[in-house]
Amino acid sequence: MVMSDERIILCGANAYEKKYYFNERFKQIPGSIQDELHILCVLFTEEAGGIFTIVFEPDGSVSLETDAEESDIYYDEISSGLLIGEVRRKRRELLASLSLYYRALILKEDLTEQPE
């Protein structure tokens, strides 16, 4: 699924519909990583509620996003933001690997040149 600003959703979970989505464009990602992403997304929505997505930005970076329906009185934006910060800290290596994967295989960047 491609978003309007050329961002591409990798995966996400929806607490309202109790569904998980994984973009089939990335099915070559190893199964163990796909499983880890599935668990991460579902646990996030179980704890915070709402909708949680992992998105590739046009530059290859990875964004974590959360949103909620306007009528959801149980959703707490502050707690969700704190939880995203915790996920970023604890899963830093996973997110960096996903970014490298995207930059190398999708954007076709030459990653052998290291900045000075």
PDB file of N, CA and C in Angstrom:
ATOM      1  N   MET A   1       0.851  -1.181   0.000  1.00  0.00           N
ATOM      2  CA  MET A   1       0.000   0.000   0.000  1.00  0.00           C
ATOM      3  C   MET A   1       0.887   1.231   0.000  1.00  0.00           C
ATOM      4  N   VAL A   2       0.762   2.093  -0.954  1.00  0.00           N
ATOM      5  CA  VAL A   2       1.556   3.313  -1.057  1.00  0.00           C
ATOM      6  C   VAL A   2       0.702   4.483  -0.595  1.00  0.00           C
ATOM      7  N   MET A   3       1.263   5.276   0.298  1.00  0.00           N
ATOM      8  CA  MET A   3       0.547   6.443   0.793  1.00  0.00           C
ATOM      9  C   MET A   3       0.793   7.595  -0.177  1.00  0.00           C
ATOM     10  N   SER A   4       0.021   8.651  -0.081  1.00  0.00           N
ATOM     11  CA  SER A   4       0.052   9.740  -1.050  1.00  0.00           C
ATOM     12  C   SER A   4       1.401  10.458  -1.140  1.00  0.00           C
ATOM     13  N   ASP A   5       2.162  10.518  -0.091  1.00  0.00           N
ATOM     14  CA  ASP A   5       3.436  11.219  -0.123  1.00  0.00           C
ATOM     15  C   ASP A   5       4.615  10.263  -0.334  1.00  0.00           C
ATOM     16  N   GLU A   6       4.362   9.147  -1.027  1.00  0.00           N
ATOM     17  CA  GLU A   6       5.380   8.163  -1.364  1.00  0.00           C
ATOM     18  C   GLU A   6       5.915   7.413  -0.163  1.00  0.00           C
ATOM     19  N   ARG A   7       5.217   7.451   0.924  1.00  0.00           N
ATOM     20  CA  ARG A   7       5.570   6.635   2.079  1.00  0.00           C
ATOM     21  C   ARG A   7       4.900   5.278   1.865  1.00  0.00           C
ATOM     22  N   ILE A   8       5.543   4.216   2.325  1.00  0.00           N
ATOM     23  CA  ILE A   8       4.994   2.874   2.112  1.00  0.00           C
ATOM     24  C   ILE A   8       4.822   2.187   3.463  1.00  0.00           C
ATOM     25  N   ILE A   9       3.620   1.711   3.701  1.00  0.00           N
ATOM     26  CA  ILE A   9       3.342   0.998   4.940  1.00  0.00           C
ATOM     27  C   ILE A   9       3.960  -0.397   4.854  1.00  0.00           C
ATOM     28  N   LEU A  10       4.745  -0.748   5.872  1.00  0.00           N
ATOM     29  CA  LEU A  10       5.301  -2.087   5.971  1.00  0.00           C
ATOM     30  C   LEU A  10       4.291  -3.018   6.641  1.00  0.00           C
ATOM     31  N   CYS A  11       3.781  -2.578   7.796  1.00  0.00           N
ATOM     32  CA  CYS A  11       2.823  -3.402   8.519  1.00  0.00           C
ATOM     33  C   CYS A  11       2.084  -2.539   9.535  1.00  0.00           C
ATOM     34  N   GLY A  12       1.051  -3.105  10.110  1.00  0.00           N
ATOM     35  CA  GLY A  12       0.288  -2.372  11.109  1.00  0.00           C
ATOM     36  C   GLY A  12      -0.765  -3.249  11.751  1.00  0.00           C
ATOM     37  N   ALA A  13      -1.314  -2.750  12.828  1.00  0.00           N
ATOM     38  CA  ALA A  13      -2.378  -3.454  13.533  1.00  0.00           C
ATOM     39  C   ALA A  13      -3.467  -2.461  13.891  1.00  0.00           C
ATOM     40  N   ASN A  14      -4.691  -2.965  13.938  1.00  0.00           N
ATOM     41  CA  ASN A  14      -5.861  -2.142  14.220  1.00  0.00           C
ATOM     42  C   ASN A  14      -6.611  -2.765  15.383  1.00  0.00           C
ATOM     43  N   ALA A  15      -6.653  -2.066  16.514  1.00  0.00           N
ATOM     44  CA  ALA A  15      -7.325  -2.588  17.707  1.00  0.00           C
ATOM     45  C   ALA A  15      -8.833  -2.640  17.539  1.00  0.00           C
ATOM     46  N   TYR A  16      -9.386  -1.796  16.695  1.00  0.00           N
ATOM     47  CA  TYR A  16     -10.837  -1.749  16.517  1.00  0.00           C
ATOM     48  C   TYR A  16     -11.347  -2.963  15.748  1.00  0.00           C
ATOM     49  N   GLU A  17     -10.592  -3.338  14.734  1.00  0.00           N
ATOM     50  CA  GLU A  17     -11.000  -4.467  13.890  1.00  0.00           C
ATOM     51  C   GLU A  17     -10.308  -5.760  14.287  1.00  0.00           C
ATOM     52  N   LYS A  18      -9.368  -5.671  15.235  1.00  0.00           N
ATOM     53  CA  LYS A  18      -8.583  -6.831  15.671  1.00  0.00           C
ATOM     54  C   LYS A  18      -7.903  -7.490  14.472  1.00  0.00           C
ATOM     55  N   LYS A  19      -7.233  -6.652  13.655  1.00  0.00           N
ATOM     56  CA  LYS A  19      -6.574  -7.155  12.450  1.00  0.00           C
ATOM     57  C   LYS A  19      -5.129  -6.680  12.395  1.00  0.00           C
ATOM     58  N   TYR A  20      -4.325  -7.512  11.729  1.00  0.00           N
ATOM     59  CA  TYR A  20      -2.924  -7.200  11.463  1.00  0.00           C
ATOM     60  C   TYR A  20      -2.747  -7.178   9.953  1.00  0.00           C
ATOM     61  N   TYR A  21      -1.950  -6.256   9.461  1.00  0.00           N
ATOM     62  CA  TYR A  21      -1.686  -6.127   8.025  1.00  0.00           C
ATOM     63  C   TYR A  21      -0.183  -6.178   7.794  1.00  0.00           C
ATOM     64  N   PHE A  22       0.249  -6.951   6.812  1.00  0.00           N
ATOM     65  CA  PHE A  22       1.642  -6.969   6.385  1.00  0.00           C
ATOM     66  C   PHE A  22       1.658  -6.770   4.878  1.00  0.00           C
ATOM     67  N   ASN A  23       2.405  -5.795   4.418  1.00  0.00           N
ATOM     68  CA  ASN A  23       2.478  -5.472   2.996  1.00  0.00           C
ATOM     69  C   ASN A  23       3.217  -6.597   2.248  1.00  0.00           C
ATOM     70  N   GLU A  24       2.517  -7.274   1.368  1.00  0.00           N
ATOM     71  CA  GLU A  24       3.072  -8.403   0.621  1.00  0.00           C
ATOM     72  C   GLU A  24       4.258  -8.017  -0.256  1.00  0.00           C
ATOM     73  N   ARG A  25       4.420  -6.741  -0.513  1.00  0.00           N
ATOM     74  CA  ARG A  25       5.578  -6.286  -1.292  1.00  0.00           C
ATOM     75  C   ARG A  25       6.892  -6.657  -0.596  1.00  0.00           C
ATOM     76  N   PHE A  26       6.812  -6.867   0.715  1.00  0.00           N
ATOM     77  CA  PHE A  26       8.002  -7.150   1.509  1.00  0.00           C
ATOM     78  C   PHE A  26       8.026  -8.588   2.025  1.00  0.00           C
ATOM     79  N   LYS A  27       7.385  -9.498   1.309  1.00  0.00           N
ATOM     80  CA  LYS A  27       7.292 -10.889   1.757  1.00  0.00           C
ATOM     81  C   LYS A  27       8.649 -11.590   1.791  1.00  0.00           C
ATOM     82  N   GLN A  28       9.676 -11.028   1.137  1.00  0.00           N
ATOM     83  CA  GLN A  28      10.999 -11.634   1.166  1.00  0.00           C
ATOM     84  C   GLN A  28      11.747 -11.354   2.472  1.00  0.00           C
ATOM     85  N   ILE A  29      11.196 -10.517   3.325  1.00  0.00           N
ATOM     86  CA  ILE A  29      11.776 -10.319   4.653  1.00  0.00           C
ATOM     87  C   ILE A  29      11.670 -11.653   5.386  1.00  0.00           C
ATOM     88  N   PRO A  30      12.732 -12.083   6.063  1.00  0.00           N
ATOM     89  CA  PRO A  30      12.710 -13.385   6.736  1.00  0.00           C
ATOM     90  C   PRO A  30      11.490 -13.555   7.662  1.00  0.00           C
ATOM     91  N   GLY A  31      10.998 -14.773   7.708  1.00  0.00           N
ATOM     92  CA  GLY A  31       9.818 -15.088   8.505  1.00  0.00           C
ATOM     93  C   GLY A  31       9.955 -14.711   9.968  1.00  0.00           C
ATOM     94  N   SER A  32      11.149 -14.889  10.533  1.00  0.00           N
ATOM     95  CA  SER A  32      11.342 -14.558  11.946  1.00  0.00           C
ATOM     96  C   SER A  32      11.161 -13.054  12.184  1.00  0.00           C
ATOM     97  N   ILE A  33      11.601 -12.234  11.229  1.00  0.00           N
ATOM     98  CA  ILE A  33      11.428 -10.782  11.343  1.00  0.00           C
ATOM     99  C   ILE A  33       9.955 -10.427  11.155  1.00  0.00           C
ATOM    100  N   GLN A  34       9.297 -11.078  10.197  1.00  0.00           N
ATOM    101  CA  GLN A  34       7.865 -10.848  10.006  1.00  0.00           C
ATOM    102  C   GLN A  34       7.091 -11.195  11.271  1.00  0.00           C
ATOM    103  N   ASP A  35       7.460 -12.294  11.913  1.00  0.00           N
ATOM    104  CA  ASP A  35       6.798 -12.696  13.161  1.00  0.00           C
ATOM    105  C   ASP A  35       7.028 -11.660  14.256  1.00  0.00           C
ATOM    106  N   GLU A  36       8.259 -11.161  14.338  1.00  0.00           N
ATOM    107  CA  GLU A  36       8.587 -10.146  15.342  1.00  0.00           C
ATOM    108  C   GLU A  36       7.779  -8.864  15.112  1.00  0.00           C
ATOM    109  N   LEU A  37       7.639  -8.470  13.851  1.00  0.00           N
ATOM    110  CA  LEU A  37       6.844  -7.290  13.516  1.00  0.00           C
ATOM    111  C   LEU A  37       5.373  -7.506  13.867  1.00  0.00           C
ATOM    112  N   HIS A  38       4.879  -8.691  13.583  1.00  0.00           N
ATOM    113  CA  HIS A  38       3.480  -9.026  13.896  1.00  0.00           C
ATOM    114  C   HIS A  38       3.239  -8.898  15.397  1.00  0.00           C
ATOM    115  N   ILE A  39       4.111  -9.509  16.180  1.00  0.00           N
ATOM    116  CA  ILE A  39       3.973  -9.452  17.641  1.00  0.00           C
ATOM    117  C   ILE A  39       4.071  -8.011  18.131  1.00  0.00           C
ATOM    118  N   LEU A  40       5.045  -7.269  17.621  1.00  0.00           N
ATOM    119  CA  LEU A  40       5.241  -5.874  18.021  1.00  0.00           C
ATOM    120  C   LEU A  40       3.985  -5.044  17.780  1.00  0.00           C
ATOM    121  N   CYS A  41       3.420  -5.147  16.579  1.00  0.00           N
ATOM    122  CA  CYS A  41       2.242  -4.353  16.217  1.00  0.00           C
ATOM    123  C   CYS A  41       1.025  -4.731  17.065  1.00  0.00           C
ATOM    124  N   VAL A  42       0.799  -6.016  17.206  1.00  0.00           N
ATOM    125  CA  VAL A  42      -0.380  -6.465  17.955  1.00  0.00           C
ATOM    126  C   VAL A  42      -0.259  -6.097  19.432  1.00  0.00           C
ATOM    127  N   LEU A  43       0.916  -6.312  20.018  1.00  0.00           N
ATOM    128  CA  LEU A  43       1.095  -5.953  21.429  1.00  0.00           C
ATOM    129  C   LEU A  43       0.933  -4.452  21.654  1.00  0.00           C
ATOM    130  N   PHE A  44       1.418  -3.659  20.688  1.00  0.00           N
ATOM    131  CA  PHE A  44       1.263  -2.213  20.809  1.00  0.00           C
ATOM    132  C   PHE A  44      -0.215  -1.842  20.889  1.00  0.00           C
ATOM    133  N   THR A  45      -1.012  -2.369  19.974  1.00  0.00           N
ATOM    134  CA  THR A  45      -2.436  -2.004  19.965  1.00  0.00           C
ATOM    135  C   THR A  45      -3.185  -2.614  21.146  1.00  0.00           C
ATOM    136  N   GLU A  46      -2.720  -3.745  21.664  1.00  0.00           N
ATOM    137  CA  GLU A  46      -3.345  -4.319  22.854  1.00  0.00           C
ATOM    138  C   GLU A  46      -3.123  -3.412  24.059  1.00  0.00           C
ATOM    139  N   GLU A  47      -1.936  -2.822  24.127  1.00  0.00           N
ATOM    140  CA  GLU A  47      -1.618  -1.958  25.262  1.00  0.00           C
ATOM    141  C   GLU A  47      -2.167  -0.544  25.098  1.00  0.00           C
ATOM    142  N   ALA A  48      -1.998   0.032  23.897  1.00  0.00           N
ATOM    143  CA  ALA A  48      -2.347   1.438  23.692  1.00  0.00           C
ATOM    144  C   ALA A  48      -3.693   1.636  23.015  1.00  0.00           C
ATOM    145  N   GLY A  49      -4.148   0.615  22.292  1.00  0.00           N
ATOM    146  CA  GLY A  49      -5.375   0.773  21.513  1.00  0.00           C
ATOM    147  C   GLY A  49      -5.090   1.485  20.212  1.00  0.00           C
ATOM    148  N   GLY A  50      -6.125   1.808  19.499  1.00  0.00           N
ATOM    149  CA  GLY A  50      -5.982   2.565  18.258  1.00  0.00           C
ATOM    150  C   GLY A  50      -5.402   1.760  17.120  1.00  0.00           C
ATOM    151  N   ILE A  51      -4.685   2.459  16.256  1.00  0.00           N
ATOM    152  CA  ILE A  51      -4.080   1.872  15.065  1.00  0.00           C
ATOM    153  C   ILE A  51      -2.590   2.188  15.103  1.00  0.00           C
ATOM    154  N   PHE A  52      -1.770   1.174  14.882  1.00  0.00           N
ATOM    155  CA  PHE A  52      -0.320   1.325  14.906  1.00  0.00           C
ATOM    156  C   PHE A  52       0.231   0.877  13.571  1.00  0.00           C
ATOM    157  N   THR A  53       1.113   1.681  12.968  1.00  0.00           N
ATOM    158  CA  THR A  53       1.719   1.307  11.690  1.00  0.00           C
ATOM    159  C   THR A  53       3.221   1.565  11.712  1.00  0.00           C
ATOM    160  N   ILE A  54       3.927   0.744  10.943  1.00  0.00           N
ATOM    161  CA  ILE A  54       5.353   0.935  10.701  1.00  0.00           C
ATOM    162  C   ILE A  54       5.474   1.291   9.225  1.00  0.00           C
ATOM    163  N   VAL A  55       6.104   2.435   8.950  1.00  0.00           N
ATOM    164  CA  VAL A  55       6.104   3.021   7.609  1.00  0.00           C
ATOM    165  C   VAL A  55       7.533   3.298   7.151  1.00  0.00           C
ATOM    166  N   PHE A  56       7.800   2.998   5.883  1.00  0.00           N
ATOM    167  CA  PHE A  56       9.062   3.408   5.262  1.00  0.00           C
ATOM    168  C   PHE A  56       8.867   4.794   4.673  1.00  0.00           C
ATOM    169  N   GLU A  57       9.756   5.715   5.035  1.00  0.00           N
ATOM    170  CA  GLU A  57       9.748   7.069   4.495  1.00  0.00           C
ATOM    171  C   GLU A  57      10.456   7.062   3.136  1.00  0.00           C
ATOM    172  N   PRO A  58      10.260   8.107   2.316  1.00  0.00           N
ATOM    173  CA  PRO A  58      10.917   8.158   0.998  1.00  0.00           C
ATOM    174  C   PRO A  58      12.445   8.044   1.061  1.00  0.00           C
ATOM    175  N   ASP A  59      13.067   8.496   2.148  1.00  0.00           N
ATOM    176  CA  ASP A  59      14.529   8.429   2.271  1.00  0.00           C
ATOM    177  C   ASP A  59      15.013   7.091   2.821  1.00  0.00           C
ATOM    178  N   GLY A  60      14.085   6.187   3.136  1.00  0.00           N
ATOM    179  CA  GLY A  60      14.460   4.874   3.647  1.00  0.00           C
ATOM    180  C   GLY A  60      14.387   4.747   5.149  1.00  0.00           C
ATOM    181  N   SER A  61      14.156   5.832   5.848  1.00  0.00           N
ATOM    182  CA  SER A  61      14.024   5.738   7.298  1.00  0.00           C
ATOM    183  C   SER A  61      12.691   5.074   7.654  1.00  0.00           C
ATOM    184  N   VAL A  62      12.604   4.613   8.887  1.00  0.00           N
ATOM    185  CA  VAL A  62      11.418   3.908   9.355  1.00  0.00           C
ATOM    186  C   VAL A  62      10.703   4.767  10.390  1.00  0.00           C
ATOM    187  N   SER A  63       9.392   4.933  10.211  1.00  0.00           N
ATOM    188  CA  SER A  63       8.579   5.694  11.159  1.00  0.00           C
ATOM    189  C   SER A  63       7.594   4.771  11.850  1.00  0.00           C
ATOM    190  N   LEU A  64       7.347   5.064  13.107  1.00  0.00           N
ATOM    191  CA  LEU A  64       6.322   4.372  13.888  1.00  0.00           C
ATOM    192  C   LEU A  64       5.207   5.366  14.127  1.00  0.00           C
ATOM    193  N   GLU A  65       3.982   4.972  13.800  1.00  0.00           N
ATOM    194  CA  GLU A  65       2.869   5.909  13.923  1.00  0.00           C
ATOM    195  C   GLU A  65       1.695   5.263  14.632  1.00  0.00           C
ATOM    196  N   THR A  66       0.972   6.088  15.345  1.00  0.00           N
ATOM    197  CA  THR A  66      -0.227   5.623  16.014  1.00  0.00           C
ATOM    198  C   THR A  66      -1.336   6.643  15.813  1.00  0.00           C
ATOM    199  N   ASP A  67      -2.543   6.145  15.741  1.00  0.00           N
ATOM    200  CA  ASP A  67      -3.696   6.998  15.511  1.00  0.00           C
ATOM    201  C   ASP A  67      -4.899   6.342  16.177  1.00  0.00           C
ATOM    202  N   ALA A  68      -5.953   7.102  16.314  1.00  0.00           N
ATOM    203  CA  ALA A  68      -7.170   6.558  16.924  1.00  0.00           C
ATOM    204  C   ALA A  68      -8.389   7.200  16.296  1.00  0.00           C
ATOM    205  N   GLU A  69      -9.488   6.496  16.407  1.00  0.00           N
ATOM    206  CA  GLU A  69     -10.751   7.055  15.957  1.00  0.00           C
ATOM    207  C   GLU A  69     -11.121   8.193  16.896  1.00  0.00           C
ATOM    208  N   GLU A  70     -11.748   9.203  16.353  1.00  0.00           N
ATOM    209  CA  GLU A  70     -12.116  10.370  17.145  1.00  0.00           C
ATOM    210  C   GLU A  70     -13.011  10.018  18.330  1.00  0.00           C
ATOM    211  N   SER A  71     -13.842   9.005  18.165  1.00  0.00           N
ATOM    212  CA  SER A  71     -14.795   8.632  19.212  1.00  0.00           C
ATOM    213  C   SER A  71     -14.189   7.730  20.289  1.00  0.00           C
ATOM    214  N   ASP A  72     -12.917   7.382  20.165  1.00  0.00           N
ATOM    215  CA  ASP A  72     -12.278   6.475  21.124  1.00  0.00           C
ATOM    216  C   ASP A  72     -11.855   7.251  22.372  1.00  0.00           C
ATOM    217  N   ILE A  73     -12.660   7.171  23.405  1.00  0.00           N
ATOM    218  CA  ILE A  73     -12.362   7.913  24.636  1.00  0.00           C
ATOM    219  C   ILE A  73     -11.297   7.226  25.492  1.00  0.00           C
ATOM    220  N   TYR A  74     -10.955   5.985  25.180  1.00  0.00           N
ATOM    221  CA  TYR A  74      -9.963   5.251  25.962  1.00  0.00           C
ATOM    222  C   TYR A  74      -8.542   5.422  25.441  1.00  0.00           C
ATOM    223  N   TYR A  75      -8.409   5.935  24.235  1.00  0.00           N
ATOM    224  CA  TYR A  75      -7.094   6.106  23.629  1.00  0.00           C
ATOM    225  C   TYR A  75      -6.392   7.294  24.278  1.00  0.00           C
ATOM    226  N   ASP A  76      -5.147   7.097  24.672  1.00  0.00           N
ATOM    227  CA  ASP A  76      -4.361   8.143  25.325  1.00  0.00           C
ATOM    228  C   ASP A  76      -3.143   8.467  24.454  1.00  0.00           C
ATOM    229  N   GLU A  77      -3.152   9.648  23.832  1.00  0.00           N
ATOM    230  CA  GLU A  77      -2.060  10.045  22.938  1.00  0.00           C
ATOM    231  C   GLU A  77      -0.715  10.115  23.652  1.00  0.00           C
ATOM    232  N   ILE A  78      -0.717  10.584  24.875  1.00  0.00           N
ATOM    233  CA  ILE A  78       0.545  10.713  25.614  1.00  0.00           C
ATOM    234  C   ILE A  78       1.145   9.342  25.887  1.00  0.00           C
ATOM    235  N   SER A  79       0.339   8.413  26.372  1.00  0.00           N
ATOM    236  CA  SER A  79       0.835   7.057  26.623  1.00  0.00           C
ATOM    237  C   SER A  79       1.297   6.386  25.347  1.00  0.00           C
ATOM    238  N   SER A  80       0.569   6.611  24.269  1.00  0.00           N
ATOM    239  CA  SER A  80       0.962   6.032  22.982  1.00  0.00           C
ATOM    240  C   SER A  80       2.300   6.586  22.519  1.00  0.00           C
ATOM    241  N   GLY A  81       2.492   7.887  22.696  1.00  0.00           N
ATOM    242  CA  GLY A  81       3.769   8.499  22.335  1.00  0.00           C
ATOM    243  C   GLY A  81       4.918   7.946  23.155  1.00  0.00           C
ATOM    244  N   LEU A  82       4.680   7.755  24.456  1.00  0.00           N
ATOM    245  CA  LEU A  82       5.708   7.169  25.322  1.00  0.00           C
ATOM    246  C   LEU A  82       6.014   5.733  24.911  1.00  0.00           C
ATOM    247  N   LEU A  83       4.983   4.997  24.545  1.00  0.00           N
ATOM    248  CA  LEU A  83       5.162   3.610  24.113  1.00  0.00           C
ATOM    249  C   LEU A  83       5.950   3.548  22.804  1.00  0.00           C
ATOM    250  N   ILE A  84       5.702   4.475  21.892  1.00  0.00           N
ATOM    251  CA  ILE A  84       6.485   4.530  20.649  1.00  0.00           C
ATOM    252  C   ILE A  84       7.951   4.785  20.972  1.00  0.00           C
ATOM    253  N   GLY A  85       8.228   5.685  21.912  1.00  0.00           N
ATOM    254  CA  GLY A  85       9.602   5.949  22.329  1.00  0.00           C
ATOM    255  C   GLY A  85      10.264   4.703  22.893  1.00  0.00           C
ATOM    256  N   GLU A  86       9.520   3.940  23.676  1.00  0.00           N
ATOM    257  CA  GLU A  86      10.045   2.701  24.250  1.00  0.00           C
ATOM    258  C   GLU A  86      10.342   1.676  23.149  1.00  0.00           C
ATOM    259  N   VAL A  87       9.429   1.559  22.191  1.00  0.00           N
ATOM    260  CA  VAL A  87       9.648   0.629  21.074  1.00  0.00           C
ATOM    261  C   VAL A  87      10.892   1.048  20.293  1.00  0.00           C
ATOM    262  N   ARG A  88      11.064   2.338  20.040  1.00  0.00           N
ATOM    263  CA  ARG A  88      12.241   2.822  19.309  1.00  0.00           C
ATOM    264  C   ARG A  88      13.532   2.470  20.042  1.00  0.00           C
ATOM    265  N   ARG A  89      13.527   2.603  21.362  1.00  0.00           N
ATOM    266  CA  ARG A  89      14.723   2.290  22.148  1.00  0.00           C
ATOM    267  C   ARG A  89      15.003   0.788  22.160  1.00  0.00           C
ATOM    268  N   LYS A  90      13.989   0.007  22.447  1.00  0.00           N
ATOM    269  CA  LYS A  90      14.178  -1.436  22.597  1.00  0.00           C
ATOM    270  C   LYS A  90      14.376  -2.161  21.268  1.00  0.00           C
ATOM    271  N   ARG A  91      13.844  -1.618  20.192  1.00  0.00           N
ATOM    272  CA  ARG A  91      13.917  -2.276  18.879  1.00  0.00           C
ATOM    273  C   ARG A  91      14.778  -1.489  17.907  1.00  0.00           C
ATOM    274  N   ARG A  92      15.717  -0.711  18.421  1.00  0.00           N
ATOM    275  CA  ARG A  92      16.592   0.132  17.597  1.00  0.00           C
ATOM    276  C   ARG A  92      17.289  -0.680  16.500  1.00  0.00           C
ATOM    277  N   GLU A  93      17.811  -1.844  16.876  1.00  0.00           N
ATOM    278  CA  GLU A  93      18.531  -2.683  15.922  1.00  0.00           C
ATOM    279  C   GLU A  93      17.599  -3.185  14.805  1.00  0.00           C
ATOM    280  N   LEU A  94      16.411  -3.622  15.174  1.00  0.00           N
ATOM    281  CA  LEU A  94      15.436  -4.092  14.190  1.00  0.00           C
ATOM    282  C   LEU A  94      15.074  -2.969  13.220  1.00  0.00           C
ATOM    283  N   LEU A  95      14.798  -1.787  13.744  1.00  0.00           N
ATOM    284  CA  LEU A  95      14.409  -0.657  12.900  1.00  0.00           C
ATOM    285  C   LEU A  95      15.554  -0.226  11.982  1.00  0.00           C
ATOM    286  N   ALA A  96      16.775  -0.251  12.495  1.00  0.00           N
ATOM    287  CA  ALA A  96      17.939   0.093  11.664  1.00  0.00           C
ATOM    288  C   ALA A  96      18.121  -0.933  10.552  1.00  0.00           C
ATOM    289  N   SER A  97      17.910  -2.199  10.870  1.00  0.00           N
ATOM    290  CA  SER A  97      18.035  -3.255   9.860  1.00  0.00           C
ATOM    291  C   SER A  97      16.966  -3.114   8.786  1.00  0.00           C
ATOM    292  N   LEU A  98      15.748  -2.781   9.182  1.00  0.00           N
ATOM    293  CA  LEU A  98      14.674  -2.582   8.210  1.00  0.00           C
ATOM    294  C   LEU A  98      14.998  -1.414   7.286  1.00  0.00           C
ATOM    295  N   SER A  99      15.551  -0.347   7.846  1.00  0.00           N
ATOM    296  CA  SER A  99      15.925   0.810   7.042  1.00  0.00           C
ATOM    297  C   SER A  99      17.014   0.435   6.036  1.00  0.00           C
ATOM    298  N   LEU A 100      18.013  -0.298   6.491  1.00  0.00           N
ATOM    299  CA  LEU A 100      19.086  -0.746   5.597  1.00  0.00           C
ATOM    300  C   LEU A 100      18.536  -1.626   4.486  1.00  0.00           C
ATOM    301  N   TYR A 101      17.659  -2.540   4.850  1.00  0.00           N
ATOM    302  CA  TYR A 101      17.017  -3.427   3.868  1.00  0.00           C
ATOM    303  C   TYR A 101      16.310  -2.602   2.795  1.00  0.00           C
ATOM    304  N   TYR A 102      15.513  -1.642   3.233  1.00  0.00           N
ATOM    305  CA  TYR A 102      14.729  -0.828   2.304  1.00  0.00           C
ATOM    306  C   TYR A 102      15.639  -0.004   1.395  1.00  0.00           C
ATOM    307  N   ARG A 103      16.648   0.606   1.997  1.00  0.00           N
ATOM    308  CA  ARG A 103      17.559   1.441   1.208  1.00  0.00           C
ATOM    309  C   ARG A 103      18.335   0.613   0.183  1.00  0.00           C
ATOM    310  N   ALA A 104      18.749  -0.597   0.559  1.00  0.00           N
ATOM    311  CA  ALA A 104      19.554  -1.425  -0.339  1.00  0.00           C
ATOM    312  C   ALA A 104      18.710  -2.109  -1.412  1.00  0.00           C
ATOM    313  N   LEU A 105      17.607  -2.724  -1.019  1.00  0.00           N
ATOM    314  CA  LEU A 105      16.855  -3.546  -1.968  1.00  0.00           C
ATOM    315  C   LEU A 105      15.725  -2.825  -2.688  1.00  0.00           C
ATOM    316  N   ILE A 106      15.157  -1.812  -2.084  1.00  0.00           N
ATOM    317  CA  ILE A 106      14.051  -1.100  -2.723  1.00  0.00           C
ATOM    318  C   ILE A 106      14.543   0.179  -3.401  1.00  0.00           C
ATOM    319  N   LEU A 107      15.304   0.987  -2.660  1.00  0.00           N
ATOM    320  CA  LEU A 107      15.814   2.236  -3.234  1.00  0.00           C
ATOM    321  C   LEU A 107      17.073   2.024  -4.065  1.00  0.00           C
ATOM    322  N   LYS A 108      17.670   0.850  -3.943  1.00  0.00           N
ATOM    323  CA  LYS A 108      18.878   0.485  -4.717  1.00  0.00           C
ATOM    324  C   LYS A 108      20.045   1.434  -4.440  1.00  0.00           C
ATOM    325  N   GLU A 109      20.176   1.860  -3.179  1.00  0.00           N
ATOM    326  CA  GLU A 109      21.292   2.719  -2.811  1.00  0.00           C
ATOM    327  C   GLU A 109      22.564   1.886  -2.715  1.00  0.00           C
ATOM    328  N   ASP A 110      23.692   2.490  -3.034  1.00  0.00           N
ATOM    329  CA  ASP A 110      24.985   1.844  -2.862  1.00  0.00           C
ATOM    330  C   ASP A 110      25.419   2.112  -1.426  1.00  0.00           C
ATOM    331  N   LEU A 111      25.333   1.093  -0.600  1.00  0.00           N
ATOM    332  CA  LEU A 111      25.643   1.271   0.813  1.00  0.00           C
ATOM    333  C   LEU A 111      27.109   1.005   1.129  1.00  0.00           C
ATOM    334  N   THR A 112      27.926   0.742   0.107  1.00  0.00           N
ATOM    335  CA  THR A 112      29.335   0.509   0.345  1.00  0.00           C
ATOM    336  C   THR A 112      30.088   1.806   0.614  1.00  0.00           C
ATOM    337  N   GLU A 113      29.537   2.930   0.126  1.00  0.00           N
ATOM    338  CA  GLU A 113      30.162   4.230   0.379  1.00  0.00           C
ATOM    339  C   GLU A 113      29.704   4.732   1.739  1.00  0.00           C
ATOM    340  N   GLN A 114      30.639   4.855   2.644  1.00  0.00           N
ATOM    341  CA  GLN A 114      30.333   5.328   3.988  1.00  0.00           C
ATOM    342  C   GLN A 114      30.652   6.815   4.099  1.00  0.00           C
ATOM    343  N   PRO A 115      29.760   7.599   4.706  1.00  0.00           N
ATOM    344  CA  PRO A 115      30.064   9.017   4.900  1.00  0.00           C
ATOM    345  C   PRO A 115      31.241   9.209   5.847  1.00  0.00           C
ATOM    346  N   GLU A 116      32.015  10.238   5.592  1.00  0.00           N
ATOM    347  CA  GLU A 116      33.198  10.511   6.432  1.00  0.00           C
ATOM    348  C   GLU A 116      32.822  11.201   7.704  1.00  0.00           C
TER     349      GLU A 116
END
